Protein backbone atom coordinates (compact mmCIF):
# COMPACT_ATOMS: atom_id res chain seq x y z
CA MET A 1 103.12 240.88 -13.35
CA SER A 2 104.75 237.46 -13.53
CA ARG A 3 106.32 235.77 -10.55
CA ALA A 4 109.78 236.15 -12.09
CA GLU A 5 109.39 239.95 -12.13
CA ILE A 6 108.63 240.16 -8.44
CA GLY A 7 111.63 241.38 -6.53
CA PRO A 8 112.39 242.81 -3.12
CA GLY A 9 109.88 245.42 -2.11
CA THR A 10 107.37 244.42 -4.77
CA ARG A 11 103.89 243.94 -3.39
CA ARG A 12 101.54 241.33 -4.77
CA GLY A 13 97.83 241.34 -4.36
CA PRO A 14 95.98 238.61 -2.47
CA GLU A 15 94.91 237.03 -5.78
CA GLU A 16 98.56 236.12 -6.46
CA PHE A 17 98.82 233.74 -3.49
CA ASP A 18 97.55 230.19 -3.22
CA GLY A 19 95.40 229.49 -0.20
CA PRO A 20 96.10 226.77 2.34
CA ALA A 21 93.29 224.60 0.93
CA GLU A 22 94.76 224.79 -2.58
CA VAL A 23 98.24 223.93 -1.36
CA ASP A 24 96.88 221.05 0.74
CA ALA A 25 94.95 219.66 -2.23
CA ALA A 26 98.06 219.89 -4.42
CA ALA A 27 100.12 218.07 -1.76
CA ARG A 28 97.52 215.28 -1.49
CA THR A 29 97.48 214.88 -5.25
CA GLN A 30 101.28 214.79 -5.39
CA ARG A 31 101.30 212.14 -2.69
CA ARG A 32 98.83 210.00 -4.68
CA ILE A 33 100.99 210.34 -7.77
CA ALA A 34 104.12 209.37 -5.84
CA VAL A 35 102.45 206.34 -4.23
CA GLY A 36 101.05 205.19 -7.57
CA TYR A 37 104.37 205.42 -9.37
CA GLY A 38 106.12 203.89 -6.35
CA LEU A 39 103.83 200.86 -6.56
CA VAL A 40 104.59 200.50 -10.28
CA PHE A 41 108.31 200.63 -9.42
CA VAL A 42 107.98 197.93 -6.76
CA VAL A 43 105.90 195.66 -9.01
CA ALA A 44 108.39 196.00 -11.87
CA THR A 45 111.34 195.32 -9.58
CA LEU A 46 109.72 192.27 -7.95
CA SER A 47 108.51 190.84 -11.26
CA VAL A 48 112.01 189.72 -12.33
CA PRO A 49 112.68 187.34 -9.42
CA LEU A 50 109.05 186.18 -9.39
CA LEU A 51 109.27 185.33 -13.08
CA SER A 52 112.50 183.41 -12.38
CA LEU A 53 110.68 181.34 -9.77
CA ALA A 54 107.52 180.79 -11.80
CA LEU A 55 108.94 180.24 -15.29
CA PRO A 56 112.02 178.01 -15.57
CA TRP A 57 112.79 179.18 -19.11
CA TRP A 58 113.01 182.82 -17.89
CA SER A 59 116.43 182.19 -16.39
CA GLY A 60 117.29 178.96 -18.24
CA ALA A 61 116.83 179.93 -21.88
CA ARG A 62 119.70 181.46 -23.79
CA LEU A 63 119.51 184.41 -26.13
CA VAL A 64 122.24 185.99 -28.24
CA GLY A 65 125.61 185.75 -26.52
CA GLY A 66 124.39 183.16 -24.02
CA MET A 67 122.37 185.67 -21.99
CA SER A 68 119.12 184.62 -20.39
CA PRO A 69 115.96 186.72 -20.79
CA SER A 70 116.16 187.50 -17.09
CA PHE A 71 119.71 188.83 -17.44
CA VAL A 72 118.78 191.01 -20.42
CA VAL A 73 115.84 192.49 -18.54
CA VAL A 74 117.95 193.18 -15.45
CA ALA A 75 120.96 194.50 -17.39
CA VAL A 76 119.10 196.76 -19.83
CA GLY A 77 115.32 196.57 -19.63
CA LEU A 78 114.82 197.71 -16.07
CA TYR A 79 117.09 200.73 -16.49
CA LEU A 80 115.15 201.88 -19.53
CA PHE A 81 111.86 201.21 -17.76
CA PHE A 82 112.96 203.20 -14.70
CA LEU A 83 114.11 206.09 -16.88
CA VAL A 84 110.75 206.25 -18.64
CA LEU A 85 108.90 205.82 -15.33
CA GLY A 86 110.87 208.65 -13.70
CA LEU A 87 110.31 211.00 -16.62
CA ALA A 88 106.59 210.20 -16.68
CA ALA A 89 106.24 210.73 -12.93
CA ALA A 90 108.15 214.01 -12.98
CA THR A 91 106.21 215.33 -15.97
CA LEU A 92 102.85 214.42 -14.47
CA ALA A 93 103.72 215.81 -11.03
CA ARG A 94 104.92 219.11 -12.48
CA SER A 95 101.92 219.58 -14.73
CA VAL A 96 99.47 218.71 -11.96
CA GLU A 97 101.11 221.14 -9.56
CA ASP A 98 101.18 223.90 -12.16
CA ARG A 99 97.49 223.44 -12.98
CA MET A 100 96.37 223.14 -9.36
CA LEU A 101 98.31 226.12 -8.07
CA GLY A 102 97.40 228.39 -10.95
CA ASN A 103 100.74 228.72 -12.71
CA THR A 104 100.45 229.42 -16.40
CA PRO A 105 103.12 228.66 -18.99
CA ASP A 106 103.82 232.41 -19.27
CA GLU A 107 104.60 232.63 -15.55
CA LEU A 108 106.91 229.62 -15.67
CA SER A 109 108.98 230.74 -18.66
CA GLY A 110 110.26 233.89 -16.98
CA PRO A 111 110.31 237.53 -18.08
CA GLU A 112 110.29 238.51 -21.74
CA LEU A 113 113.46 240.25 -22.88
């Protein structure tokens, strides 16, 4: 019986539940994932002003339309990077939780019609 089929009054056996140790391990793993991706976010965000301080051409050079490399990265590059970073973090966190707590793809897709 999949989790989607369980309704009011339906009894599940003890093998259907995740124990406290399993849930705690999944939470610790999710926290490590969040901290790791958070550090990547902070490093990427701080790299733009640090590059402006360390490399004069980073904010002084001109590209197409008179934009500096720093401006292009801030205007477009960081948004794309953050989108990819968010998708990667969400995908990894979901797959790790599903594997650690015993969900199978059949249970996640819902009931067959």
